[in-house]
Amino acid sequence: MAHTFHYSGFVIEGLQNGRKWGFPTANILPQLSSATPDIGVYAVQIQIDNKNYQGMMYVGIRPTINLSQLTIEINIFDFNASIYGQYVEFEIVKKIREDRKFDSVTQLIKQIQKDKDEILQIFAQ
């Protein structure tokens, strides 16, 4: 099935928290001409080097770790190459939840795993 990619940007270096927590992410600096998705957690398709991958995207300010700058991060499934500085395009498949603050990083990590399980189910259908 053909994809129309609605969002794009360059992969930039992040804080590496996702990697520490077992969910490495590509942090996306959106193109100025590209729209920014609403805050939340999404199932996404991302295109890297003309290949499509499935992933889980977080758009938000990371309230659990007391940050306030908007971030767009994608955990790309079955992918582990370094893509810093690369241009990527992505599209939303489905929004699965709103952003929220958790009482601890442990709770956040449990929720990220639940989100990933839910997104894998969406792609399996």
PDB file of N, CA and C in Angstrom:
ATOM      1  N   MET A   1       0.846  -1.183   0.000  1.00  0.00           N
ATOM      2  CA  MET A   1       0.000   0.000   0.000  1.00  0.00           C
ATOM      3  C   MET A   1       0.888   1.240   0.000  1.00  0.00           C
ATOM      4  N   ALA A   2       0.512   2.209  -0.798  1.00  0.00           N
ATOM      5  CA  ALA A   2       1.313   3.436  -0.929  1.00  0.00           C
ATOM      6  C   ALA A   2       1.075   4.337   0.274  1.00  0.00           C
ATOM      7  N   HIS A   3       2.116   5.003   0.684  1.00  0.00           N
ATOM      8  CA  HIS A   3       1.998   5.919   1.826  1.00  0.00           C
ATOM      9  C   HIS A   3       2.205   7.346   1.374  1.00  0.00           C
ATOM     10  N   THR A   4       1.441   8.236   1.956  1.00  0.00           N
ATOM     11  CA  THR A   4       1.661   9.663   1.763  1.00  0.00           C
ATOM     12  C   THR A   4       2.238  10.162   3.078  1.00  0.00           C
ATOM     13  N   PHE A   5       3.476  10.557   3.063  1.00  0.00           N
ATOM     14  CA  PHE A   5       4.116  10.990   4.292  1.00  0.00           C
ATOM     15  C   PHE A   5       3.804  12.461   4.531  1.00  0.00           C
ATOM     16  N   HIS A   6       3.202  12.747   5.684  1.00  0.00           N
ATOM     17  CA  HIS A   6       2.727  14.092   5.975  1.00  0.00           C
ATOM     18  C   HIS A   6       3.704  14.906   6.809  1.00  0.00           C
ATOM     19  N   TYR A   7       4.643  14.248   7.436  1.00  0.00           N
ATOM     20  CA  TYR A   7       5.560  14.926   8.337  1.00  0.00           C
ATOM     21  C   TYR A   7       6.985  14.593   7.928  1.00  0.00           C
ATOM     22  N   SER A   8       7.901  15.520   8.212  1.00  0.00           N
ATOM     23  CA  SER A   8       9.294  15.249   7.879  1.00  0.00           C
ATOM     24  C   SER A   8      10.205  16.081   8.773  1.00  0.00           C
ATOM     25  N   GLY A   9      11.458  15.668   8.819  1.00  0.00           N
ATOM     26  CA  GLY A   9      12.427  16.408   9.609  1.00  0.00           C
ATOM     27  C   GLY A   9      13.760  15.693   9.608  1.00  0.00           C
ATOM     28  N   PHE A  10      14.679  16.248  10.396  1.00  0.00           N
ATOM     29  CA  PHE A  10      16.008  15.664  10.501  1.00  0.00           C
ATOM     30  C   PHE A  10      16.171  15.011  11.867  1.00  0.00           C
ATOM     31  N   VAL A  11      16.905  13.898  11.914  1.00  0.00           N
ATOM     32  CA  VAL A  11      17.154  13.189  13.163  1.00  0.00           C
ATOM     33  C   VAL A  11      18.281  13.922  13.900  1.00  0.00           C
ATOM     34  N   ILE A  12      17.980  14.308  15.144  1.00  0.00           N
ATOM     35  CA  ILE A  12      18.949  15.032  15.967  1.00  0.00           C
ATOM     36  C   ILE A  12      19.263  14.227  17.223  1.00  0.00           C
ATOM     37  N   GLU A  13      20.333  14.596  17.885  1.00  0.00           N
ATOM     38  CA  GLU A  13      20.711  13.906  19.113  1.00  0.00           C
ATOM     39  C   GLU A  13      19.768  14.311  20.239  1.00  0.00           C
ATOM     40  N   GLY A  14      19.309  13.329  21.000  1.00  0.00           N
ATOM     41  CA  GLY A  14      18.427  13.593  22.134  1.00  0.00           C
ATOM     42  C   GLY A  14      19.160  13.354  23.445  1.00  0.00           C
ATOM     43  N   LEU A  15      18.383  13.111  24.498  1.00  0.00           N
ATOM     44  CA  LEU A  15      18.970  12.917  25.829  1.00  0.00           C
ATOM     45  C   LEU A  15      19.393  11.475  26.092  1.00  0.00           C
ATOM     46  N   GLN A  16      19.071  10.569  25.160  1.00  0.00           N
ATOM     47  CA  GLN A  16      19.425   9.136  25.281  1.00  0.00           C
ATOM     48  C   GLN A  16      18.630   8.401  26.361  1.00  0.00           C
ATOM     49  N   ASN A  17      17.555   9.004  26.892  1.00  0.00           N
ATOM     50  CA  ASN A  17      16.762   8.299  27.901  1.00  0.00           C
ATOM     51  C   ASN A  17      16.082   7.073  27.310  1.00  0.00           C
ATOM     52  N   GLY A  18      15.527   7.213  26.105  1.00  0.00           N
ATOM     53  CA  GLY A  18      14.860   6.079  25.474  1.00  0.00           C
ATOM     54  C   GLY A  18      15.781   4.877  25.374  1.00  0.00           C
ATOM     55  N   ARG A  19      17.029   5.129  25.007  1.00  0.00           N
ATOM     56  CA  ARG A  19      18.011   4.048  24.888  1.00  0.00           C
ATOM     57  C   ARG A  19      18.232   3.384  26.239  1.00  0.00           C
ATOM     58  N   LYS A  20      18.386   4.209  27.287  1.00  0.00           N
ATOM     59  CA  LYS A  20      18.605   3.663  28.644  1.00  0.00           C
ATOM     60  C   LYS A  20      17.419   2.811  29.079  1.00  0.00           C
ATOM     61  N   TRP A  21      16.219   3.215  28.650  1.00  0.00           N
ATOM     62  CA  TRP A  21      14.994   2.531  29.089  1.00  0.00           C
ATOM     63  C   TRP A  21      14.608   1.354  28.190  1.00  0.00           C
ATOM     64  N   GLY A  22      15.426   1.072  27.182  1.00  0.00           N
ATOM     65  CA  GLY A  22      15.147  -0.069  26.312  1.00  0.00           C
ATOM     66  C   GLY A  22      14.307   0.282  25.091  1.00  0.00           C
ATOM     67  N   PHE A  23      14.078   1.560  24.858  1.00  0.00           N
ATOM     68  CA  PHE A  23      13.292   2.003  23.710  1.00  0.00           C
ATOM     69  C   PHE A  23      14.040   3.141  23.008  1.00  0.00           C
ATOM     70  N   PRO A  24      15.133   2.832  22.295  1.00  0.00           N
ATOM     71  CA  PRO A  24      15.885   3.901  21.649  1.00  0.00           C
ATOM     72  C   PRO A  24      15.003   4.651  20.654  1.00  0.00           C
ATOM     73  N   THR A  25      15.138   5.966  20.625  1.00  0.00           N
ATOM     74  CA  THR A  25      14.297   6.758  19.735  1.00  0.00           C
ATOM     75  C   THR A  25      15.125   7.638  18.815  1.00  0.00           C
ATOM     76  N   ALA A  26      14.546   7.922  17.662  1.00  0.00           N
ATOM     77  CA  ALA A  26      15.087   8.933  16.757  1.00  0.00           C
ATOM     78  C   ALA A  26      14.350  10.218  17.103  1.00  0.00           C
ATOM     79  N   ASN A  27      15.096  11.231  17.540  1.00  0.00           N
ATOM     80  CA  ASN A  27      14.480  12.523  17.848  1.00  0.00           C
ATOM     81  C   ASN A  27      14.416  13.312  16.551  1.00  0.00           C
ATOM     82  N   ILE A  28      13.236  13.815  16.237  1.00  0.00           N
ATOM     83  CA  ILE A  28      13.021  14.490  14.963  1.00  0.00           C
ATOM     84  C   ILE A  28      12.906  15.997  15.166  1.00  0.00           C
ATOM     85  N   LEU A  29      13.709  16.735  14.439  1.00  0.00           N
ATOM     86  CA  LEU A  29      13.570  18.187  14.390  1.00  0.00           C
ATOM     87  C   LEU A  29      12.715  18.455  13.156  1.00  0.00           C
ATOM     88  N   PRO A  30      11.444  18.875  13.352  1.00  0.00           N
ATOM     89  CA  PRO A  30      10.553  19.004  12.194  1.00  0.00           C
ATOM     90  C   PRO A  30      11.008  20.091  11.222  1.00  0.00           C
ATOM     91  N   GLN A  31      10.746  19.860   9.957  1.00  0.00           N
ATOM     92  CA  GLN A  31      10.969  20.877   8.935  1.00  0.00           C
ATOM     93  C   GLN A  31      10.030  22.038   9.236  1.00  0.00           C
ATOM     94  N   LEU A  32      10.458  23.241   9.007  1.00  0.00           N
ATOM     95  CA  LEU A  32       9.591  24.395   9.254  1.00  0.00           C
ATOM     96  C   LEU A  32       8.347  24.335   8.378  1.00  0.00           C
ATOM     97  N   SER A  33       8.479  23.754   7.189  1.00  0.00           N
ATOM     98  CA  SER A  33       7.340  23.662   6.281  1.00  0.00           C
ATOM     99  C   SER A  33       6.417  22.489   6.631  1.00  0.00           C
ATOM    100  N   SER A  34       6.875  21.632   7.542  1.00  0.00           N
ATOM    101  CA  SER A  34       6.113  20.436   7.906  1.00  0.00           C
ATOM    102  C   SER A  34       5.246  20.738   9.125  1.00  0.00           C
ATOM    103  N   ALA A  35       4.048  20.207   9.120  1.00  0.00           N
ATOM    104  CA  ALA A  35       3.168  20.362  10.283  1.00  0.00           C
ATOM    105  C   ALA A  35       3.770  19.596  11.453  1.00  0.00           C
ATOM    106  N   THR A  36       3.356  19.942  12.663  1.00  0.00           N
ATOM    107  CA  THR A  36       3.779  19.196  13.848  1.00  0.00           C
ATOM    108  C   THR A  36       2.567  18.435  14.363  1.00  0.00           C
ATOM    109  N   PRO A  37       2.719  17.133  14.625  1.00  0.00           N
ATOM    110  CA  PRO A  37       1.576  16.363  15.131  1.00  0.00           C
ATOM    111  C   PRO A  37       1.146  16.860  16.513  1.00  0.00           C
ATOM    112  N   ASP A  38      -0.117  16.608  16.855  1.00  0.00           N
ATOM    113  CA  ASP A  38      -0.622  16.937  18.191  1.00  0.00           C
ATOM    114  C   ASP A  38       0.101  16.086  19.229  1.00  0.00           C
ATOM    115  N   ILE A  39       0.117  16.575  20.463  1.00  0.00           N
ATOM    116  CA  ILE A  39       0.745  15.853  21.567  1.00  0.00           C
ATOM    117  C   ILE A  39       0.038  14.510  21.790  1.00  0.00           C
ATOM    118  N   GLY A  40       0.822  13.463  22.015  1.00  0.00           N
ATOM    119  CA  GLY A  40       0.264  12.146  22.279  1.00  0.00           C
ATOM    120  C   GLY A  40       1.215  11.039  21.856  1.00  0.00           C
ATOM    121  N   VAL A  41       0.690   9.807  21.861  1.00  0.00           N
ATOM    122  CA  VAL A  41       1.460   8.621  21.476  1.00  0.00           C
ATOM    123  C   VAL A  41       0.759   7.991  20.277  1.00  0.00           C
ATOM    124  N   TYR A  42       1.560   7.619  19.279  1.00  0.00           N
ATOM    125  CA  TYR A  42       1.013   7.182  17.994  1.00  0.00           C
ATOM    126  C   TYR A  42       1.703   5.935  17.447  1.00  0.00           C
ATOM    127  N   ALA A  43       0.958   5.188  16.646  1.00  0.00           N
ATOM    128  CA  ALA A  43       1.540   4.192  15.751  1.00  0.00           C
ATOM    129  C   ALA A  43       1.903   4.962  14.486  1.00  0.00           C
ATOM    130  N   VAL A  44       3.127   4.786  13.996  1.00  0.00           N
ATOM    131  CA  VAL A  44       3.566   5.515  12.803  1.00  0.00           C
ATOM    132  C   VAL A  44       4.294   4.614  11.815  1.00  0.00           C
ATOM    133  N   GLN A  45       4.330   5.072  10.574  1.00  0.00           N
ATOM    134  CA  GLN A  45       5.195   4.508   9.543  1.00  0.00           C
ATOM    135  C   GLN A  45       6.264   5.570   9.317  1.00  0.00           C
ATOM    136  N   ILE A  46       7.522   5.153   9.235  1.00  0.00           N
ATOM    137  CA  ILE A  46       8.609   6.098   8.984  1.00  0.00           C
ATOM    138  C   ILE A  46       9.424   5.586   7.806  1.00  0.00           C
ATOM    139  N   GLN A  47       9.845   6.520   6.971  1.00  0.00           N
ATOM    140  CA  GLN A  47      10.636   6.153   5.803  1.00  0.00           C
ATOM    141  C   GLN A  47      12.070   6.638   5.999  1.00  0.00           C
ATOM    142  N   ILE A  48      13.009   5.688   5.902  1.00  0.00           N
ATOM    143  CA  ILE A  48      14.439   5.980   6.045  1.00  0.00           C
ATOM    144  C   ILE A  48      15.135   5.348   4.838  1.00  0.00           C
ATOM    145  N   ASP A  49      15.877   6.147   4.092  1.00  0.00           N
ATOM    146  CA  ASP A  49      16.572   5.630   2.895  1.00  0.00           C
ATOM    147  C   ASP A  49      15.619   4.863   1.975  1.00  0.00           C
ATOM    148  N   ASN A  50      14.441   5.435   1.745  1.00  0.00           N
ATOM    149  CA  ASN A  50      13.436   4.835   0.856  1.00  0.00           C
ATOM    150  C   ASN A  50      12.916   3.478   1.322  1.00  0.00           C
ATOM    151  N   LYS A  51      13.114   3.159   2.590  1.00  0.00           N
ATOM    152  CA  LYS A  51      12.539   1.926   3.155  1.00  0.00           C
ATOM    153  C   LYS A  51      11.557   2.321   4.242  1.00  0.00           C
ATOM    154  N   ASN A  52      10.447   1.593   4.328  1.00  0.00           N
ATOM    155  CA  ASN A  52       9.431   1.883   5.338  1.00  0.00           C
ATOM    156  C   ASN A  52       9.605   0.997   6.563  1.00  0.00           C
ATOM    157  N   TYR A  53       9.441   1.618   7.723  1.00  0.00           N
ATOM    158  CA  TYR A  53       9.507   0.908   8.999  1.00  0.00           C
ATOM    159  C   TYR A  53       8.286   1.286   9.822  1.00  0.00           C
ATOM    160  N   GLN A  54       7.946   0.414  10.750  1.00  0.00           N
ATOM    161  CA  GLN A  54       6.868   0.710  11.694  1.00  0.00           C
ATOM    162  C   GLN A  54       7.500   1.218  12.979  1.00  0.00           C
ATOM    163  N   GLY A  55       6.730   2.016  13.704  1.00  0.00           N
ATOM    164  CA  GLY A  55       7.286   2.524  14.948  1.00  0.00           C
ATOM    165  C   GLY A  55       6.236   3.122  15.852  1.00  0.00           C
ATOM    166  N   MET A  56       6.735   3.603  16.976  1.00  0.00           N
ATOM    167  CA  MET A  56       5.899   4.208  18.016  1.00  0.00           C
ATOM    168  C   MET A  56       6.443   5.614  18.210  1.00  0.00           C
ATOM    169  N   MET A  57       5.559   6.613  18.094  1.00  0.00           N
ATOM    170  CA  MET A  57       5.997   8.003  18.206  1.00  0.00           C
ATOM    171  C   MET A  57       5.405   8.657  19.438  1.00  0.00           C
ATOM    172  N   TYR A  58       6.252   9.437  20.100  1.00  0.00           N
ATOM    173  CA  TYR A  58       5.819  10.255  21.229  1.00  0.00           C
ATOM    174  C   TYR A  58       6.005  11.715  20.838  1.00  0.00           C
ATOM    175  N   VAL A  59       4.951  12.494  21.041  1.00  0.00           N
ATOM    176  CA  VAL A  59       5.029  13.943  20.846  1.00  0.00           C
ATOM    177  C   VAL A  59       4.591  14.566  22.163  1.00  0.00           C
ATOM    178  N   GLY A  60       5.476  15.324  22.802  1.00  0.00           N
ATOM    179  CA  GLY A  60       5.103  15.917  24.078  1.00  0.00           C
ATOM    180  C   GLY A  60       6.270  16.634  24.726  1.00  0.00           C
ATOM    181  N   ILE A  61       6.066  16.986  25.977  1.00  0.00           N
ATOM    182  CA  ILE A  61       7.085  17.762  26.708  1.00  0.00           C
ATOM    183  C   ILE A  61       7.773  16.942  27.804  1.00  0.00           C
ATOM    184  N   ARG A  62       7.525  15.641  27.857  1.00  0.00           N
ATOM    185  CA  ARG A  62       8.163  14.720  28.819  1.00  0.00           C
ATOM    186  C   ARG A  62       7.951  15.160  30.266  1.00  0.00           C
ATOM    187  N   PRO A  63       6.691  15.292  30.685  1.00  0.00           N
ATOM    188  CA  PRO A  63       6.417  15.796  32.033  1.00  0.00           C
ATOM    189  C   PRO A  63       6.927  14.892  33.151  1.00  0.00           C
ATOM    190  N   THR A  64       7.030  13.583  32.915  1.00  0.00           N
ATOM    191  CA  THR A  64       7.480  12.674  33.968  1.00  0.00           C
ATOM    192  C   THR A  64       8.900  12.997  34.405  1.00  0.00           C
ATOM    193  N   ILE A  65       9.734  13.461  33.473  1.00  0.00           N
ATOM    194  CA  ILE A  65      11.112  13.800  33.845  1.00  0.00           C
ATOM    195  C   ILE A  65      11.306  15.321  33.909  1.00  0.00           C
ATOM    196  N   ASN A  66      10.182  16.027  34.122  1.00  0.00           N
ATOM    197  CA  ASN A  66      10.191  17.476  34.392  1.00  0.00           C
ATOM    198  C   ASN A  66      10.864  18.318  33.314  1.00  0.00           C
ATOM    199  N   LEU A  67      10.613  17.964  32.069  1.00  0.00           N
ATOM    200  CA  LEU A  67      11.115  18.779  30.976  1.00  0.00           C
ATOM    201  C   LEU A  67       9.943  19.573  30.408  1.00  0.00           C
ATOM    202  N   SER A  68      10.246  20.584  29.604  1.00  0.00           N
ATOM    203  CA  SER A  68       9.156  21.411  29.091  1.00  0.00           C
ATOM    204  C   SER A  68       9.260  21.711  27.607  1.00  0.00           C
ATOM    205  N   GLN A  69      10.332  21.245  26.969  1.00  0.00           N
ATOM    206  CA  GLN A  69      10.488  21.516  25.544  1.00  0.00           C
ATOM    207  C   GLN A  69       9.802  20.408  24.741  1.00  0.00           C
ATOM    208  N   LEU A  70       9.046  20.818  23.732  1.00  0.00           N
ATOM    209  CA  LEU A  70       8.336  19.847  22.897  1.00  0.00           C
ATOM    210  C   LEU A  70       9.343  18.957  22.172  1.00  0.00           C
ATOM    211  N   THR A  71       9.075  17.670  22.172  1.00  0.00           N
ATOM    212  CA  THR A  71       9.937  16.719  21.489  1.00  0.00           C
ATOM    213  C   THR A  71       9.087  15.811  20.609  1.00  0.00           C
ATOM    214  N   ILE A  72       9.665  15.367  19.516  1.00  0.00           N
ATOM    215  CA  ILE A  72       9.055  14.356  18.649  1.00  0.00           C
ATOM    216  C   ILE A  72      10.069  13.226  18.589  1.00  0.00           C
ATOM    217  N   GLU A  73       9.686  12.055  19.113  1.00  0.00           N
ATOM    218  CA  GLU A  73      10.613  10.930  19.182  1.00  0.00           C
ATOM    219  C   GLU A  73       9.937   9.694  18.624  1.00  0.00           C
ATOM    220  N   ILE A  74      10.665   8.933  17.812  1.00  0.00           N
ATOM    221  CA  ILE A  74      10.108   7.710  17.240  1.00  0.00           C
ATOM    222  C   ILE A  74      11.000   6.531  17.602  1.00  0.00           C
ATOM    223  N   ASN A  75      10.387   5.531  18.242  1.00  0.00           N
ATOM    224  CA  ASN A  75      11.050   4.247  18.489  1.00  0.00           C
ATOM    225  C   ASN A  75      10.736   3.404  17.248  1.00  0.00           C
ATOM    226  N   ILE A  76      11.765   3.149  16.443  1.00  0.00           N
ATOM    227  CA  ILE A  76      11.585   2.437  15.172  1.00  0.00           C
ATOM    228  C   ILE A  76      11.763   0.948  15.431  1.00  0.00           C
ATOM    229  N   PHE A  77      10.735   0.167  15.098  1.00  0.00           N
ATOM    230  CA  PHE A  77      10.783  -1.271  15.367  1.00  0.00           C
ATOM    231  C   PHE A  77      11.767  -1.950  14.410  1.00  0.00           C
ATOM    232  N   ASP A  78      12.500  -2.930  14.945  1.00  0.00           N
ATOM    233  CA  ASP A  78      13.433  -3.741  14.150  1.00  0.00           C
ATOM    234  C   ASP A  78      14.418  -2.882  13.361  1.00  0.00           C
ATOM    235  N   PHE A  79      15.014  -1.913  14.042  1.00  0.00           N
ATOM    236  CA  PHE A  79      15.944  -0.990  13.386  1.00  0.00           C
ATOM    237  C   PHE A  79      16.985  -0.569  14.405  1.00  0.00           C
ATOM    238  N   ASN A  80      18.261  -0.603  14.033  1.00  0.00           N
ATOM    239  CA  ASN A  80      19.254  -0.127  15.004  1.00  0.00           C
ATOM    240  C   ASN A  80      20.465   0.525  14.359  1.00  0.00           C
ATOM    241  N   ALA A  81      20.266   1.202  13.239  1.00  0.00           N
ATOM    242  CA  ALA A  81      21.376   1.929  12.615  1.00  0.00           C
ATOM    243  C   ALA A  81      21.436   3.342  13.179  1.00  0.00           C
ATOM    244  N   SER A  82      22.588   3.975  13.083  1.00  0.00           N
ATOM    245  CA  SER A  82      22.717   5.376  13.488  1.00  0.00           C
ATOM    246  C   SER A  82      22.245   6.242  12.319  1.00  0.00           C
ATOM    247  N   ILE A  83      21.285   7.107  12.591  1.00  0.00           N
ATOM    248  CA  ILE A  83      20.739   7.937  11.509  1.00  0.00           C
ATOM    249  C   ILE A  83      20.788   9.427  11.855  1.00  0.00           C
ATOM    250  N   TYR A  84      21.683   9.817  12.769  1.00  0.00           N
ATOM    251  CA  TYR A  84      21.805  11.239  13.115  1.00  0.00           C
ATOM    252  C   TYR A  84      22.047  12.070  11.858  1.00  0.00           C
ATOM    253  N   GLY A  85      21.346  13.185  11.763  1.00  0.00           N
ATOM    254  CA  GLY A  85      21.527  14.088  10.637  1.00  0.00           C
ATOM    255  C   GLY A  85      20.749  13.709   9.392  1.00  0.00           C
ATOM    256  N   GLN A  86      20.121  12.533   9.405  1.00  0.00           N
ATOM    257  CA  GLN A  86      19.380  12.104   8.225  1.00  0.00           C
ATOM    258  C   GLN A  86      17.996  12.718   8.167  1.00  0.00           C
ATOM    259  N   TYR A  87      17.541  12.927   6.948  1.00  0.00           N
ATOM    260  CA  TYR A  87      16.193  13.424   6.695  1.00  0.00           C
ATOM    261  C   TYR A  87      15.251  12.218   6.673  1.00  0.00           C
ATOM    262  N   VAL A  88      14.159  12.320   7.403  1.00  0.00           N
ATOM    263  CA  VAL A  88      13.180  11.224   7.430  1.00  0.00           C
ATOM    264  C   VAL A  88      11.783  11.798   7.199  1.00  0.00           C
ATOM    265  N   GLU A  89      10.899  10.941   6.708  1.00  0.00           N
ATOM    266  CA  GLU A  89       9.492  11.299   6.546  1.00  0.00           C
ATOM    267  C   GLU A  89       8.680  10.268   7.299  1.00  0.00           C
ATOM    268  N   PHE A  90       7.560  10.724   7.878  1.00  0.00           N
ATOM    269  CA  PHE A  90       6.731   9.777   8.626  1.00  0.00           C
ATOM    270  C   PHE A  90       5.276  10.176   8.552  1.00  0.00           C
ATOM    271  N   GLU A  91       4.432   9.188   8.818  1.00  0.00           N
ATOM    272  CA  GLU A  91       2.996   9.430   8.830  1.00  0.00           C
ATOM    273  C   GLU A  91       2.375   8.716  10.012  1.00  0.00           C
ATOM    274  N   ILE A  92       1.289   9.296  10.486  1.00  0.00           N
ATOM    275  CA  ILE A  92       0.557   8.720  11.610  1.00  0.00           C
ATOM    276  C   ILE A  92      -0.389   7.647  11.091  1.00  0.00           C
ATOM    277  N   VAL A  93      -0.349   6.499  11.743  1.00  0.00           N
ATOM    278  CA  VAL A  93      -1.284   5.424  11.434  1.00  0.00           C
ATOM    279  C   VAL A  93      -2.484   5.546  12.373  1.00  0.00           C
ATOM    280  N   LYS A  94      -2.193   5.715  13.680  1.00  0.00           N
ATOM    281  CA  LYS A  94      -3.274   5.821  14.669  1.00  0.00           C
ATOM    282  C   LYS A  94      -2.744   6.430  15.963  1.00  0.00           C
ATOM    283  N   LYS A  95      -3.537   7.306  16.562  1.00  0.00           N
ATOM    284  CA  LYS A  95      -3.181   7.844  17.877  1.00  0.00           C
ATOM    285  C   LYS A  95      -3.697   6.863  18.920  1.00  0.00           C
ATOM    286  N   ILE A  96      -2.855   6.519  19.902  1.00  0.00           N
ATOM    287  CA  ILE A  96      -3.326   5.554  20.901  1.00  0.00           C
ATOM    288  C   ILE A  96      -3.601   6.166  22.275  1.00  0.00           C
ATOM    289  N   ARG A  97      -2.975   7.287  22.590  1.00  0.00           N
ATOM    290  CA  ARG A  97      -3.306   7.923  23.868  1.00  0.00           C
ATOM    291  C   ARG A  97      -2.747   9.336  23.927  1.00  0.00           C
ATOM    292  N   GLU A  98      -3.247  10.078  24.917  1.00  0.00           N
ATOM    293  CA  GLU A  98      -2.732  11.417  25.200  1.00  0.00           C
ATOM    294  C   GLU A  98      -1.456  11.297  26.023  1.00  0.00           C
ATOM    295  N   ASP A  99      -0.680  12.369  26.055  1.00  0.00           N
ATOM    296  CA  ASP A  99       0.502  12.428  26.913  1.00  0.00           C
ATOM    297  C   ASP A  99       0.018  12.589  28.348  1.00  0.00           C
ATOM    298  N   ARG A 100       0.759  12.055  29.287  1.00  0.00           N
ATOM    299  CA  ARG A 100       0.423  12.312  30.693  1.00  0.00           C
ATOM    300  C   ARG A 100       1.653  12.144  31.564  1.00  0.00           C
ATOM    301  N   LYS A 101       1.568  12.697  32.752  1.00  0.00           N
ATOM    302  CA  LYS A 101       2.684  12.605  33.699  1.00  0.00           C
ATOM    303  C   LYS A 101       2.503  11.355  34.548  1.00  0.00           C
ATOM    304  N   PHE A 102       3.565  10.589  34.713  1.00  0.00           N
ATOM    305  CA  PHE A 102       3.543   9.391  35.552  1.00  0.00           C
ATOM    306  C   PHE A 102       4.250   9.706  36.857  1.00  0.00           C
ATOM    307  N   ASP A 103       3.926   8.936  37.906  1.00  0.00           N
ATOM    308  CA  ASP A 103       4.508   9.174  39.226  1.00  0.00           C
ATOM    309  C   ASP A 103       5.978   8.781  39.300  1.00  0.00           C
ATOM    310  N   SER A 104       6.406   7.916  38.372  1.00  0.00           N
ATOM    311  CA  SER A 104       7.809   7.491  38.386  1.00  0.00           C
ATOM    312  C   SER A 104       8.228   7.076  36.986  1.00  0.00           C
ATOM    313  N   VAL A 105       9.536   7.043  36.775  1.00  0.00           N
ATOM    314  CA  VAL A 105      10.072   6.572  35.496  1.00  0.00           C
ATOM    315  C   VAL A 105       9.698   5.111  35.297  1.00  0.00           C
ATOM    316  N   THR A 106       9.680   4.330  36.381  1.00  0.00           N
ATOM    317  CA  THR A 106       9.297   2.910  36.294  1.00  0.00           C
ATOM    318  C   THR A 106       7.892   2.774  35.707  1.00  0.00           C
ATOM    319  N   GLN A 107       6.953   3.601  36.193  1.00  0.00           N
ATOM    320  CA  GLN A 107       5.578   3.567  35.655  1.00  0.00           C
ATOM    321  C   GLN A 107       5.565   3.969  34.187  1.00  0.00           C
ATOM    322  N   LEU A 108       6.366   4.979  33.851  1.00  0.00           N
ATOM    323  CA  LEU A 108       6.452   5.431  32.462  1.00  0.00           C
ATOM    324  C   LEU A 108       6.945   4.299  31.562  1.00  0.00           C
ATOM    325  N   ILE A 109       7.999   3.605  31.983  1.00  0.00           N
ATOM    326  CA  ILE A 109       8.557   2.509  31.177  1.00  0.00           C
ATOM    327  C   ILE A 109       7.516   1.402  30.995  1.00  0.00           C
ATOM    328  N   LYS A 110       6.770   1.076  32.054  1.00  0.00           N
ATOM    329  CA  LYS A 110       5.700   0.064  31.941  1.00  0.00           C
ATOM    330  C   LYS A 110       4.673   0.503  30.911  1.00  0.00           C
ATOM    331  N   GLN A 111       4.318   1.793  30.927  1.00  0.00           N
ATOM    332  CA  GLN A 111       3.336   2.309  29.973  1.00  0.00           C
ATOM    333  C   GLN A 111       3.890   2.284  28.545  1.00  0.00           C
ATOM    334  N   ILE A 112       5.166   2.601  28.381  1.00  0.00           N
ATOM    335  CA  ILE A 112       5.774   2.559  27.045  1.00  0.00           C
ATOM    336  C   ILE A 112       5.692   1.136  26.495  1.00  0.00           C
ATOM    337  N   GLN A 113       5.947   0.134  27.343  1.00  0.00           N
ATOM    338  CA  GLN A 113       5.857  -1.259  26.888  1.00  0.00           C
ATOM    339  C   GLN A 113       4.420  -1.593  26.480  1.00  0.00           C
ATOM    340  N   LYS A 114       3.432  -1.128  27.281  1.00  0.00           N
ATOM    341  CA  LYS A 114       2.020  -1.336  26.924  1.00  0.00           C
ATOM    342  C   LYS A 114       1.692  -0.666  25.596  1.00  0.00           C
ATOM    343  N   ASP A 115       2.210   0.566  25.425  1.00  0.00           N
ATOM    344  CA  ASP A 115       1.976   1.291  24.171  1.00  0.00           C
ATOM    345  C   ASP A 115       2.537   0.500  22.999  1.00  0.00           C
ATOM    346  N   LYS A 116       3.759  -0.023  23.172  1.00  0.00           N
ATOM    347  CA  LYS A 116       4.390  -0.775  22.086  1.00  0.00           C
ATOM    348  C   LYS A 116       3.576  -2.025  21.761  1.00  0.00           C
ATOM    349  N   ASP A 117       3.120  -2.733  22.792  1.00  0.00           N
ATOM    350  CA  ASP A 117       2.310  -3.936  22.569  1.00  0.00           C
ATOM    351  C   ASP A 117       1.040  -3.585  21.785  1.00  0.00           C
ATOM    352  N   GLU A 118       0.401  -2.482  22.175  1.00  0.00           N
ATOM    353  CA  GLU A 118      -0.831  -2.052  21.501  1.00  0.00           C
ATOM    354  C   GLU A 118      -0.554  -1.689  20.038  1.00  0.00           C
ATOM    355  N   ILE A 119       0.543  -0.997  19.802  1.00  0.00           N
ATOM    356  CA  ILE A 119       0.895  -0.591  18.434  1.00  0.00           C
ATOM    357  C   ILE A 119       1.245  -1.807  17.581  1.00  0.00           C
ATOM    358  N   LEU A 120       1.963  -2.775  18.162  1.00  0.00           N
ATOM    359  CA  LEU A 120       2.265  -4.000  17.408  1.00  0.00           C
ATOM    360  C   LEU A 120       0.974  -4.718  17.002  1.00  0.00           C
ATOM    361  N   GLN A 121      -0.029  -4.685  17.887  1.00  0.00           N
ATOM    362  CA  GLN A 121      -1.343  -5.270  17.562  1.00  0.00           C
ATOM    363  C   GLN A 121      -1.981  -4.549  16.379  1.00  0.00           C
ATOM    364  N   ILE A 122      -1.890  -3.215  16.374  1.00  0.00           N
ATOM    365  CA  ILE A 122      -2.464  -2.417  15.284  1.00  0.00           C
ATOM    366  C   ILE A 122      -1.816  -2.823  13.966  1.00  0.00           C
ATOM    367  N   PHE A 123      -0.496  -2.937  13.951  1.00  0.00           N
ATOM    368  CA  PHE A 123       0.208  -3.303  12.712  1.00  0.00           C
ATOM    369  C   PHE A 123      -0.060  -4.756  12.312  1.00  0.00           C
ATOM    370  N   ALA A 124      -0.361  -5.612  13.280  1.00  0.00           N
ATOM    371  CA  ALA A 124      -0.624  -7.019  12.978  1.00  0.00           C
ATOM    372  C   ALA A 124      -1.966  -7.205  12.277  1.00  0.00           C
ATOM    373  N   GLN A 125      -2.875  -6.248  12.436  1.00  0.00           N
ATOM    374  CA  GLN A 125      -4.215  -6.384  11.841  1.00  0.00           C
ATOM    375  C   GLN A 125      -4.201  -6.140  10.348  1.00  0.00           C
TER     376      GLN A 125
END
